[in-house]
Amino acid sequence: MKTVTGIIHGKTIELTDAPNFADGAEVEIVIRPSRPKRQPGEGFLRTEGALADDTVWDGIMEEIQHARCRATVAN
């Protein structure tokens, strides 16, 4: 069993890699959209600003900030 990617052109699928099966071999095909290729950190950028102006979240972050400052001073 091997997974290969391809590009659909109408009823034809152009494979990006050779499947390495014998010519004429009968195969079973399962087609599903591939996951989009993402750059590292892209997920953070897509959620940027999601918690802006959220007073509950602002309070949580303020508590974390104070706790870190106290931990730094104690060390």
C-alpha atoms as a PDB file:
ATOM      1  CA  MET A   1       0.000   0.000   0.000  1.00  0.00           C
ATOM      2  CA  LYS A   2       1.280   3.457  -0.859  1.00  0.00           C
ATOM      3  CA  THR A   3      -0.094   6.974  -0.557  1.00  0.00           C
ATOM      4  CA  VAL A   4       0.638   9.310  -3.439  1.00  0.00           C
ATOM      5  CA  THR A   5      -0.625  12.791  -4.139  1.00  0.00           C
ATOM      6  CA  GLY A   6      -1.939  14.086  -7.406  1.00  0.00           C
ATOM      7  CA  ILE A   7      -3.672  16.913  -9.178  1.00  0.00           C
ATOM      8  CA  ILE A   8      -7.109  16.512 -10.740  1.00  0.00           C
ATOM      9  CA  HIS A   9      -7.585  17.649 -14.343  1.00  0.00           C
ATOM     10  CA  GLY A  10     -11.203  16.872 -15.181  1.00  0.00           C
ATOM     11  CA  LYS A  11     -11.523  13.054 -15.031  1.00  0.00           C
ATOM     12  CA  THR A  12      -7.735  12.571 -15.029  1.00  0.00           C
ATOM     13  CA  ILE A  13      -5.510  12.549 -11.937  1.00  0.00           C
ATOM     14  CA  GLU A  14      -1.864  13.443 -12.550  1.00  0.00           C
ATOM     15  CA  LEU A  15       0.258  11.730  -9.879  1.00  0.00           C
ATOM     16  CA  THR A  16       3.111  13.728  -8.389  1.00  0.00           C
ATOM     17  CA  ASP A  17       5.086  10.530  -7.602  1.00  0.00           C
ATOM     18  CA  ALA A  18       5.352   7.173  -9.306  1.00  0.00           C
ATOM     19  CA  PRO A  19       3.217   4.573  -7.506  1.00  0.00           C
ATOM     20  CA  ASN A  20       5.797   1.829  -8.264  1.00  0.00           C
ATOM     21  CA  PHE A  21       3.273  -0.888  -9.100  1.00  0.00           C
ATOM     22  CA  ALA A  22       3.610  -3.177 -12.076  1.00  0.00           C
ATOM     23  CA  ASP A  23       2.162  -1.826 -15.308  1.00  0.00           C
ATOM     24  CA  GLY A  24      -1.358  -3.202 -15.675  1.00  0.00           C
ATOM     25  CA  ALA A  25      -1.752  -3.922 -11.955  1.00  0.00           C
ATOM     26  CA  GLU A  26      -5.282  -3.517 -10.667  1.00  0.00           C
ATOM     27  CA  VAL A  27      -5.455  -0.969  -7.841  1.00  0.00           C
ATOM     28  CA  GLU A  28      -8.069   0.465  -5.527  1.00  0.00           C
ATOM     29  CA  ILE A  29      -8.318   4.254  -5.415  1.00  0.00           C
ATOM     30  CA  VAL A  30      -9.580   6.318  -2.480  1.00  0.00           C
ATOM     31  CA  ILE A  31      -9.751  10.042  -3.197  1.00  0.00           C
ATOM     32  CA  ARG A  32      -9.800  12.735  -0.524  1.00  0.00           C
ATOM     33  CA  PRO A  33      -8.611  16.339  -0.557  1.00  0.00           C
ATOM     34  CA  SER A  34      -5.082  16.727   0.760  1.00  0.00           C
ATOM     35  CA  ARG A  35      -4.353  18.950   3.707  1.00  0.00           C
ATOM     36  CA  PRO A  36      -3.169  22.388   2.687  1.00  0.00           C
ATOM     37  CA  LYS A  37       0.559  22.963   3.136  1.00  0.00           C
ATOM     38  CA  ARG A  38       1.057  25.470   5.949  1.00  0.00           C
ATOM     39  CA  GLN A  39       4.082  27.405   7.073  1.00  0.00           C
ATOM     40  CA  PRO A  40       5.279  27.123  10.697  1.00  0.00           C
ATOM     41  CA  GLY A  41       3.463  29.679  12.858  1.00  0.00           C
ATOM     42  CA  GLU A  42       0.608  30.158  10.384  1.00  0.00           C
ATOM     43  CA  GLY A  43      -1.913  28.829  12.898  1.00  0.00           C
ATOM     44  CA  PHE A  44      -0.959  31.540  15.360  1.00  0.00           C
ATOM     45  CA  LEU A  45      -1.402  34.186  12.693  1.00  0.00           C
ATOM     46  CA  ARG A  46      -4.882  32.909  11.796  1.00  0.00           C
ATOM     47  CA  THR A  47      -6.008  33.197  15.426  1.00  0.00           C
ATOM     48  CA  GLU A  48      -4.306  36.523  16.092  1.00  0.00           C
ATOM     49  CA  GLY A  49      -6.723  38.920  17.727  1.00  0.00           C
ATOM     50  CA  ALA A  50      -9.299  36.245  18.579  1.00  0.00           C
ATOM     51  CA  LEU A  51      -9.269  37.236  22.258  1.00  0.00           C
ATOM     52  CA  ALA A  52      -8.829  40.979  21.763  1.00  0.00           C
ATOM     53  CA  ASP A  53     -10.985  43.074  24.096  1.00  0.00           C
ATOM     54  CA  ASP A  54     -11.963  39.995  26.144  1.00  0.00           C
ATOM     55  CA  THR A  55     -11.967  41.232  29.754  1.00  0.00           C
ATOM     56  CA  VAL A  56     -11.952  37.702  31.216  1.00  0.00           C
ATOM     57  CA  TRP A  57      -8.898  36.722  29.163  1.00  0.00           C
ATOM     58  CA  ASP A  58      -7.209  40.046  29.961  1.00  0.00           C
ATOM     59  CA  GLY A  59      -7.631  39.267  33.683  1.00  0.00           C
ATOM     60  CA  ILE A  60      -6.155  35.774  33.263  1.00  0.00           C
ATOM     61  CA  MET A  61      -3.148  37.138  31.376  1.00  0.00           C
ATOM     62  CA  GLU A  62      -2.634  39.838  34.002  1.00  0.00           C
ATOM     63  CA  GLU A  63      -2.576  37.173  36.760  1.00  0.00           C
ATOM     64  CA  ILE A  64       0.016  35.187  34.796  1.00  0.00           C
ATOM     65  CA  GLN A  65       2.126  38.307  34.288  1.00  0.00           C
ATOM     66  CA  HIS A  66       2.062  39.126  38.025  1.00  0.00           C
ATOM     67  CA  ALA A  67       2.907  35.518  38.948  1.00  0.00           C
ATOM     68  CA  ARG A  68       5.910  35.532  36.591  1.00  0.00           C
ATOM     69  CA  CYS A  69       7.119  38.860  37.941  1.00  0.00           C
ATOM     70  CA  ARG A  70       6.885  37.543  41.525  1.00  0.00           C
ATOM     71  CA  ALA A  71       8.744  34.354  40.534  1.00  0.00           C
ATOM     72  CA  THR A  72      11.518  36.389  38.883  1.00  0.00           C
ATOM     73  CA  VAL A  73      11.947  38.630  41.931  1.00  0.00           C
ATOM     74  CA  ALA A  74      11.986  35.598  44.284  1.00  0.00           C
ATOM     75  CA  ASN A  75      14.813  33.967  42.333  1.00  0.00           C
END
